[in-house]
Each structure stands twice: as structure tokens, then as C-alpha cells.
Amino acid sequence: DIVHRDFCPQNVHVAFDGHVRVVDFGIAAARGKLAETQSGEVKGHLSHMAPEQVERPKDVDRRADIWALGVSGYEALTQ
């Protein structure tokens, strides 16, 4: 499994043929092999981060991406 860790509307592209693609896997990591960032450094879009991604970045799993998908969906439906 891959944890994207930066899922947000800017990283979702719709191609001309209608296919949706998630892009920018720059800070993604394989589950169980999450790389630590420099102390105190936050990577990604804070507005879409799950609370545990900010508090315990080493413990992030696919649920953080699901949180970000929910935030993105909420934004799409309410703005």
C-alpha cells in the first residue's frame, strides 16, 4: 500500500478522456516505511491533513488519505 500524504484538489487531475488521476507523489511512502521529515517541518497541505498526520507523522496510514479525500469532497460540494 502507498500512503499519498498530500491528497488535495490540486493533486487530482481530470484528463480530456474523463479519467481521474491522482498526481504528485513527492511525499508519498509505502505503508510501514514512512520517511520522517526534518524536525518540525510539515509537508503537504495543512488544511487537508488528518489530525494524526500533524500530531504523529510516523503513524500515518491510508486513513489520513481517506480524511483528505473527505475534506476535498466536502469542499467540492459546499463551495
PDB file of N, CA and C in Angstrom:
ATOM      1  N   ASP A   1       0.836  -1.188   0.000  1.00  0.00           N
ATOM      2  CA  ASP A   1       0.000   0.000   0.000  1.00  0.00           C
ATOM      3  C   ASP A   1       0.875   1.243   0.000  1.00  0.00           C
ATOM      4  N   ILE A   2       0.404   2.272  -0.664  1.00  0.00           N
ATOM      5  CA  ILE A   2       1.103   3.554  -0.686  1.00  0.00           C
ATOM      6  C   ILE A   2       0.233   4.588   0.014  1.00  0.00           C
ATOM      7  N   VAL A   3       0.843   5.366   0.882  1.00  0.00           N
ATOM      8  CA  VAL A   3       0.164   6.475   1.555  1.00  0.00           C
ATOM      9  C   VAL A   3       0.597   7.746   0.838  1.00  0.00           C
ATOM     10  N   HIS A   4      -0.352   8.458   0.251  1.00  0.00           N
ATOM     11  CA  HIS A   4      -0.043   9.658  -0.540  1.00  0.00           C
ATOM     12  C   HIS A   4       0.454  10.788   0.354  1.00  0.00           C
ATOM     13  N   ARG A   5      -0.213  11.042   1.441  1.00  0.00           N
ATOM     14  CA  ARG A   5       0.112  12.050   2.461  1.00  0.00           C
ATOM     15  C   ARG A   5      -0.065  13.493   2.014  1.00  0.00           C
ATOM     16  N   ASP A   6      -0.512  13.739   0.780  1.00  0.00           N
ATOM     17  CA  ASP A   6      -0.726  15.114   0.320  1.00  0.00           C
ATOM     18  C   ASP A   6      -1.915  15.163  -0.637  1.00  0.00           C
ATOM     19  N   PHE A   7      -2.967  14.412  -0.320  1.00  0.00           N
ATOM     20  CA  PHE A   7      -4.145  14.394  -1.185  1.00  0.00           C
ATOM     21  C   PHE A   7      -4.915  15.691  -0.997  1.00  0.00           C
ATOM     22  N   CYS A   8      -5.159  16.397  -2.100  1.00  0.00           N
ATOM     23  CA  CYS A   8      -5.919  17.644  -2.090  1.00  0.00           C
ATOM     24  C   CYS A   8      -6.395  17.898  -3.521  1.00  0.00           C
ATOM     25  N   PRO A   9      -7.322  18.822  -3.727  1.00  0.00           N
ATOM     26  CA  PRO A   9      -7.834  19.065  -5.080  1.00  0.00           C
ATOM     27  C   PRO A   9      -6.745  19.401  -6.103  1.00  0.00           C
ATOM     28  N   GLN A  10      -5.690  20.075  -5.687  1.00  0.00           N
ATOM     29  CA  GLN A  10      -4.619  20.420  -6.616  1.00  0.00           C
ATOM     30  C   GLN A  10      -3.891  19.187  -7.143  1.00  0.00           C
ATOM     31  N   ASN A  11      -3.997  18.079  -6.440  1.00  0.00           N
ATOM     32  CA  ASN A  11      -3.309  16.854  -6.843  1.00  0.00           C
ATOM     33  C   ASN A  11      -4.242  15.839  -7.497  1.00  0.00           C
ATOM     34  N   VAL A  12      -5.414  16.290  -7.908  1.00  0.00           N
ATOM     35  CA  VAL A  12      -6.349  15.440  -8.642  1.00  0.00           C
ATOM     36  C   VAL A  12      -6.577  16.093 -10.003  1.00  0.00           C
ATOM     37  N   HIS A  13      -6.247  15.369 -11.061  1.00  0.00           N
ATOM     38  CA  HIS A  13      -6.398  15.897 -12.418  1.00  0.00           C
ATOM     39  C   HIS A  13      -7.396  15.050 -13.189  1.00  0.00           C
ATOM     40  N   VAL A  14      -8.240  15.725 -13.961  1.00  0.00           N
ATOM     41  CA  VAL A  14      -9.180  15.035 -14.837  1.00  0.00           C
ATOM     42  C   VAL A  14      -8.666  15.203 -16.259  1.00  0.00           C
ATOM     43  N   ALA A  15      -8.395  14.081 -16.920  1.00  0.00           N
ATOM     44  CA  ALA A  15      -7.864  14.105 -18.283  1.00  0.00           C
ATOM     45  C   ALA A  15      -8.982  14.419 -19.275  1.00  0.00           C
ATOM     46  N   PHE A  16      -8.603  14.755 -20.498  1.00  0.00           N
ATOM     47  CA  PHE A  16      -9.583  15.061 -21.534  1.00  0.00           C
ATOM     48  C   PHE A  16     -10.522  13.887 -21.800  1.00  0.00           C
ATOM     49  N   ASP A  17     -10.030  12.666 -21.584  1.00  0.00           N
ATOM     50  CA  ASP A  17     -10.866  11.482 -21.816  1.00  0.00           C
ATOM     51  C   ASP A  17     -11.762  11.157 -20.617  1.00  0.00           C
ATOM     52  N   GLY A  18     -11.713  11.987 -19.565  1.00  0.00           N
ATOM     53  CA  GLY A  18     -12.563  11.811 -18.397  1.00  0.00           C
ATOM     54  C   GLY A  18     -11.960  10.992 -17.271  1.00  0.00           C
ATOM     55  N   HIS A  19     -10.797  10.416 -17.496  1.00  0.00           N
ATOM     56  CA  HIS A  19     -10.147   9.638 -16.440  1.00  0.00           C
ATOM     57  C   HIS A  19      -9.595  10.567 -15.364  1.00  0.00           C
ATOM     58  N   VAL A  20      -9.759  10.161 -14.123  1.00  0.00           N
ATOM     59  CA  VAL A  20      -9.257  10.938 -12.990  1.00  0.00           C
ATOM     60  C   VAL A  20      -7.929  10.340 -12.558  1.00  0.00           C
ATOM     61  N   ARG A  21      -6.952  11.216 -12.332  1.00  0.00           N
ATOM     62  CA  ARG A  21      -5.628  10.760 -11.924  1.00  0.00           C
ATOM     63  C   ARG A  21      -5.174  11.537 -10.692  1.00  0.00           C
ATOM     64  N   VAL A  22      -4.641  10.807  -9.739  1.00  0.00           N
ATOM     65  CA  VAL A  22      -4.028  11.431  -8.569  1.00  0.00           C
ATOM     66  C   VAL A  22      -2.551  11.604  -8.904  1.00  0.00           C
ATOM     67  N   VAL A  23      -2.035  12.814  -8.704  1.00  0.00           N
ATOM     68  CA  VAL A  23      -0.650  13.123  -9.057  1.00  0.00           C
ATOM     69  C   VAL A  23       0.117  13.620  -7.836  1.00  0.00           C
ATOM     70  N   ASP A  24       1.366  13.911  -8.010  1.00  0.00           N
ATOM     71  CA  ASP A  24       2.274  14.465  -7.004  1.00  0.00           C
ATOM     72  C   ASP A  24       2.458  13.515  -5.823  1.00  0.00           C
ATOM     73  N   PHE A  25       3.207  12.474  -6.074  1.00  0.00           N
ATOM     74  CA  PHE A  25       3.527  11.502  -5.029  1.00  0.00           C
ATOM     75  C   PHE A  25       4.869  11.835  -4.376  1.00  0.00           C
ATOM     76  N   GLY A  26       5.231  13.123  -4.362  1.00  0.00           N
ATOM     77  CA  GLY A  26       6.526  13.558  -3.850  1.00  0.00           C
ATOM     78  C   GLY A  26       6.797  13.206  -2.400  1.00  0.00           C
ATOM     79  N   ILE A  27       5.775  13.193  -1.553  1.00  0.00           N
ATOM     80  CA  ILE A  27       5.999  12.835  -0.145  1.00  0.00           C
ATOM     81  C   ILE A  27       5.293  11.534   0.217  1.00  0.00           C
ATOM     82  N   ALA A  28       4.847  10.803  -0.807  1.00  0.00           N
ATOM     83  CA  ALA A  28       4.201   9.509  -0.570  1.00  0.00           C
ATOM     84  C   ALA A  28       5.223   8.501  -0.067  1.00  0.00           C
ATOM     85  N   ALA A  29       4.723   7.479   0.596  1.00  0.00           N
ATOM     86  CA  ALA A  29       5.612   6.436   1.112  1.00  0.00           C
ATOM     87  C   ALA A  29       4.848   5.126   1.196  1.00  0.00           C
ATOM     88  N   ALA A  30       5.589   4.045   1.114  1.00  0.00           N
ATOM     89  CA  ALA A  30       4.982   2.728   1.291  1.00  0.00           C
ATOM     90  C   ALA A  30       4.564   2.581   2.743  1.00  0.00           C
ATOM     91  N   ARG A  31       3.440   1.917   2.956  1.00  0.00           N
ATOM     92  CA  ARG A  31       2.956   1.724   4.324  1.00  0.00           C
ATOM     93  C   ARG A  31       4.016   0.992   5.131  1.00  0.00           C
ATOM     94  N   GLY A  32       4.265   1.470   6.332  1.00  0.00           N
ATOM     95  CA  GLY A  32       5.268   0.863   7.199  1.00  0.00           C
ATOM     96  C   GLY A  32       6.668   1.388   6.960  1.00  0.00           C
ATOM     97  N   LYS A  33       6.830   2.218   5.938  1.00  0.00           N
ATOM     98  CA  LYS A  33       8.150   2.763   5.628  1.00  0.00           C
ATOM     99  C   LYS A  33       8.067   4.275   5.453  1.00  0.00           C
ATOM    100  N   LEU A  34       7.287   4.911   6.286  1.00  0.00           N
ATOM    101  CA  LEU A  34       7.130   6.353   6.174  1.00  0.00           C
ATOM    102  C   LEU A  34       8.410   7.055   6.576  1.00  0.00           C
ATOM    103  N   ALA A  35       8.878   7.878   5.686  1.00  0.00           N
ATOM    104  CA  ALA A  35      10.095   8.633   5.961  1.00  0.00           C
ATOM    105  C   ALA A  35       9.775   9.809   6.868  1.00  0.00           C
ATOM    106  N   GLU A  36      10.656  10.063   7.781  1.00  0.00           N
ATOM    107  CA  GLU A  36      10.473  11.214   8.655  1.00  0.00           C
ATOM    108  C   GLU A  36      10.966  12.462   7.943  1.00  0.00           C
ATOM    109  N   THR A  37      10.272  13.575   8.168  1.00  0.00           N
ATOM    110  CA  THR A  37      10.752  14.845   7.662  1.00  0.00           C
ATOM    111  C   THR A  37      11.602  15.485   8.745  1.00  0.00           C
ATOM    112  N   GLN A  38      12.248  16.574   8.392  1.00  0.00           N
ATOM    113  CA  GLN A  38      13.074  17.260   9.375  1.00  0.00           C
ATOM    114  C   GLN A  38      12.204  17.685  10.553  1.00  0.00           C
ATOM    115  N   SER A  39      12.783  17.734  11.709  1.00  0.00           N
ATOM    116  CA  SER A  39      12.052  18.059  12.927  1.00  0.00           C
ATOM    117  C   SER A  39      11.276  19.362  12.772  1.00  0.00           C
ATOM    118  N   GLY A  40       9.971  19.297  13.023  1.00  0.00           N
ATOM    119  CA  GLY A  40       9.132  20.484  12.975  1.00  0.00           C
ATOM    120  C   GLY A  40       8.670  20.868  11.586  1.00  0.00           C
ATOM    121  N   GLU A  41       9.141  20.183  10.563  1.00  0.00           N
ATOM    122  CA  GLU A  41       8.781  20.531   9.193  1.00  0.00           C
ATOM    123  C   GLU A  41       7.503  19.798   8.793  1.00  0.00           C
ATOM    124  N   VAL A  42       6.509  20.558   8.337  1.00  0.00           N
ATOM    125  CA  VAL A  42       5.249  19.974   7.896  1.00  0.00           C
ATOM    126  C   VAL A  42       5.235  19.978   6.381  1.00  0.00           C
ATOM    127  N   LYS A  43       4.974  18.820   5.790  1.00  0.00           N
ATOM    128  CA  LYS A  43       4.909  18.719   4.332  1.00  0.00           C
ATOM    129  C   LYS A  43       3.480  18.396   3.945  1.00  0.00           C
ATOM    130  N   GLY A  44       3.014  19.034   2.895  1.00  0.00           N
ATOM    131  CA  GLY A  44       1.656  18.806   2.426  1.00  0.00           C
ATOM    132  C   GLY A  44       0.775  20.006   2.729  1.00  0.00           C
ATOM    133  N   HIS A  45      -0.499  19.853   2.439  1.00  0.00           N
ATOM    134  CA  HIS A  45      -1.472  20.921   2.660  1.00  0.00           C
ATOM    135  C   HIS A  45      -2.119  20.737   4.032  1.00  0.00           C
ATOM    136  N   LEU A  46      -1.796  21.615   4.944  1.00  0.00           N
ATOM    137  CA  LEU A  46      -2.276  21.508   6.321  1.00  0.00           C
ATOM    138  C   LEU A  46      -3.799  21.456   6.393  1.00  0.00           C
ATOM    139  N   SER A  47      -4.471  22.171   5.509  1.00  0.00           N
ATOM    140  CA  SER A  47      -5.938  22.209   5.547  1.00  0.00           C
ATOM    141  C   SER A  47      -6.576  20.859   5.239  1.00  0.00           C
ATOM    142  N   HIS A  48      -5.834  19.938   4.644  1.00  0.00           N
ATOM    143  CA  HIS A  48      -6.377  18.627   4.285  1.00  0.00           C
ATOM    144  C   HIS A  48      -5.776  17.494   5.119  1.00  0.00           C
ATOM    145  N   MET A  49      -4.939  17.825   6.088  1.00  0.00           N
ATOM    146  CA  MET A  49      -4.271  16.792   6.887  1.00  0.00           C
ATOM    147  C   MET A  49      -5.158  16.279   8.008  1.00  0.00           C
ATOM    148  N   ALA A  50      -5.108  14.980   8.195  1.00  0.00           N
ATOM    149  CA  ALA A  50      -5.788  14.366   9.333  1.00  0.00           C
ATOM    150  C   ALA A  50      -5.060  14.779  10.610  1.00  0.00           C
ATOM    151  N   PRO A  51      -5.766  14.879  11.730  1.00  0.00           N
ATOM    152  CA  PRO A  51      -5.111  15.291  12.976  1.00  0.00           C
ATOM    153  C   PRO A  51      -3.891  14.439  13.324  1.00  0.00           C
ATOM    154  N   GLU A  52      -3.980  13.125  13.122  1.00  0.00           N
ATOM    155  CA  GLU A  52      -2.843  12.268  13.469  1.00  0.00           C
ATOM    156  C   GLU A  52      -1.642  12.499  12.557  1.00  0.00           C
ATOM    157  N   GLN A  53      -1.880  13.023  11.359  1.00  0.00           N
ATOM    158  CA  GLN A  53      -0.767  13.306  10.452  1.00  0.00           C
ATOM    159  C   GLN A  53       0.068  14.467  10.978  1.00  0.00           C
ATOM    160  N   VAL A  54      -0.570  15.385  11.677  1.00  0.00           N
ATOM    161  CA  VAL A  54       0.146  16.517  12.269  1.00  0.00           C
ATOM    162  C   VAL A  54       0.773  16.115  13.599  1.00  0.00           C
ATOM    163  N   GLU A  55       0.024  15.363  14.400  1.00  0.00           N
ATOM    164  CA  GLU A  55       0.481  15.014  15.750  1.00  0.00           C
ATOM    165  C   GLU A  55       1.502  13.880  15.775  1.00  0.00           C
ATOM    166  N   ARG A  56       1.289  12.862  14.944  1.00  0.00           N
ATOM    167  CA  ARG A  56       2.161  11.675  14.948  1.00  0.00           C
ATOM    168  C   ARG A  56       2.473  11.254  13.514  1.00  0.00           C
ATOM    169  N   PRO A  57       3.293  11.998  12.796  1.00  0.00           N
ATOM    170  CA  PRO A  57       3.529  11.714  11.377  1.00  0.00           C
ATOM    171  C   PRO A  57       4.076  10.320  11.096  1.00  0.00           C
ATOM    172  N   LYS A  58       4.775   9.711  12.046  1.00  0.00           N
ATOM    173  CA  LYS A  58       5.316   8.369  11.823  1.00  0.00           C
ATOM    174  C   LYS A  58       4.224   7.309  11.819  1.00  0.00           C
ATOM    175  N   ASP A  59       3.056   7.612  12.383  1.00  0.00           N
ATOM    176  CA  ASP A  59       1.970   6.643  12.490  1.00  0.00           C
ATOM    177  C   ASP A  59       0.910   6.794  11.398  1.00  0.00           C
ATOM    178  N   VAL A  60       1.187   7.586  10.379  1.00  0.00           N
ATOM    179  CA  VAL A  60       0.204   7.857   9.334  1.00  0.00           C
ATOM    180  C   VAL A  60      -0.005   6.615   8.472  1.00  0.00           C
ATOM    181  N   ASP A  61      -1.277   6.343   8.161  1.00  0.00           N
ATOM    182  CA  ASP A  61      -1.593   5.248   7.250  1.00  0.00           C
ATOM    183  C   ASP A  61      -2.667   5.727   6.271  1.00  0.00           C
ATOM    184  N   ARG A  62      -3.277   4.803   5.547  1.00  0.00           N
ATOM    185  CA  ARG A  62      -4.219   5.180   4.497  1.00  0.00           C
ATOM    186  C   ARG A  62      -5.423   5.951   5.018  1.00  0.00           C
ATOM    187  N   ARG A  63      -5.705   5.862   6.301  1.00  0.00           N
ATOM    188  CA  ARG A  63      -6.835   6.614   6.855  1.00  0.00           C
ATOM    189  C   ARG A  63      -6.625   8.119   6.728  1.00  0.00           C
ATOM    190  N   ALA A  64      -5.373   8.573   6.745  1.00  0.00           N
ATOM    191  CA  ALA A  64      -5.093  10.000   6.551  1.00  0.00           C
ATOM    192  C   ALA A  64      -5.471  10.427   5.137  1.00  0.00           C
ATOM    193  N   ASP A  65      -5.233   9.560   4.151  1.00  0.00           N
ATOM    194  CA  ASP A  65      -5.635   9.867   2.778  1.00  0.00           C
ATOM    195  C   ASP A  65      -7.154   9.881   2.647  1.00  0.00           C
ATOM    196  N   ILE A  66      -7.837   8.992   3.357  1.00  0.00           N
ATOM    197  CA  ILE A  66      -9.300   8.969   3.331  1.00  0.00           C
ATOM    198  C   ILE A  66      -9.851  10.253   3.951  1.00  0.00           C
ATOM    199  N   TRP A  67      -9.230  10.723   5.025  1.00  0.00           N
ATOM    200  CA  TRP A  67      -9.615  12.002   5.653  1.00  0.00           C
ATOM    201  C   TRP A  67      -9.493  13.128   4.627  1.00  0.00           C
ATOM    202  N   ALA A  68      -8.347  13.184   3.942  1.00  0.00           N
ATOM    203  CA  ALA A  68      -8.109  14.240   2.960  1.00  0.00           C
ATOM    204  C   ALA A  68      -9.109  14.159   1.809  1.00  0.00           C
ATOM    205  N   LEU A  69      -9.473  12.953   1.397  1.00  0.00           N
ATOM    206  CA  LEU A  69     -10.485  12.776   0.354  1.00  0.00           C
ATOM    207  C   LEU A  69     -11.825  13.328   0.836  1.00  0.00           C
ATOM    208  N   GLY A  70     -12.171  13.069   2.085  1.00  0.00           N
ATOM    209  CA  GLY A  70     -13.409  13.597   2.650  1.00  0.00           C
ATOM    210  C   GLY A  70     -13.417  15.114   2.704  1.00  0.00           C
ATOM    211  N   VAL A  71     -12.308  15.706   3.103  1.00  0.00           N
ATOM    212  CA  VAL A  71     -12.204  17.172   3.139  1.00  0.00           C
ATOM    213  C   VAL A  71     -12.358  17.732   1.728  1.00  0.00           C
ATOM    214  N   SER A  72     -11.709  17.099   0.763  1.00  0.00           N
ATOM    215  CA  SER A  72     -11.794  17.555  -0.629  1.00  0.00           C
ATOM    216  C   SER A  72     -13.221  17.432  -1.155  1.00  0.00           C
ATOM    217  N   GLY A  73     -13.888  16.330  -0.829  1.00  0.00           N
ATOM    218  CA  GLY A  73     -15.276  16.150  -1.248  1.00  0.00           C
ATOM    219  C   GLY A  73     -16.197  17.182  -0.623  1.00  0.00           C
ATOM    220  N   TYR A  74     -15.993  17.450   0.657  1.00  0.00           N
ATOM    221  CA  TYR A  74     -16.786  18.470   1.346  1.00  0.00           C
ATOM    222  C   TYR A  74     -16.604  19.830   0.676  1.00  0.00           C
ATOM    223  N   GLU A  75     -15.355  20.174   0.376  1.00  0.00           N
ATOM    224  CA  GLU A  75     -15.090  21.450  -0.295  1.00  0.00           C
ATOM    225  C   GLU A  75     -15.772  21.512  -1.658  1.00  0.00           C
ATOM    226  N   ALA A  76     -15.710  20.416  -2.404  1.00  0.00           N
ATOM    227  CA  ALA A  76     -16.312  20.392  -3.737  1.00  0.00           C
ATOM    228  C   ALA A  76     -17.829  20.581  -3.676  1.00  0.00           C
ATOM    229  N   LEU A  77     -18.456  20.058  -2.641  1.00  0.00           N
ATOM    230  CA  LEU A  77     -19.910  20.127  -2.532  1.00  0.00           C
ATOM    231  C   LEU A  77     -20.421  21.413  -1.898  1.00  0.00           C
ATOM    232  N   THR A  78     -19.564  22.126  -1.182  1.00  0.00           N
ATOM    233  CA  THR A  78     -20.042  23.305  -0.449  1.00  0.00           C
ATOM    234  C   THR A  78     -19.504  24.630  -0.973  1.00  0.00           C
ATOM    235  N   GLN A  79     -18.627  24.605  -1.924  1.00  0.00           N
ATOM    236  CA  GLN A  79     -18.074  25.877  -2.426  1.00  0.00           C
ATOM    237  C   GLN A  79     -18.521  26.157  -3.831  1.00  0.00           C
TER     238      GLN A  79
END
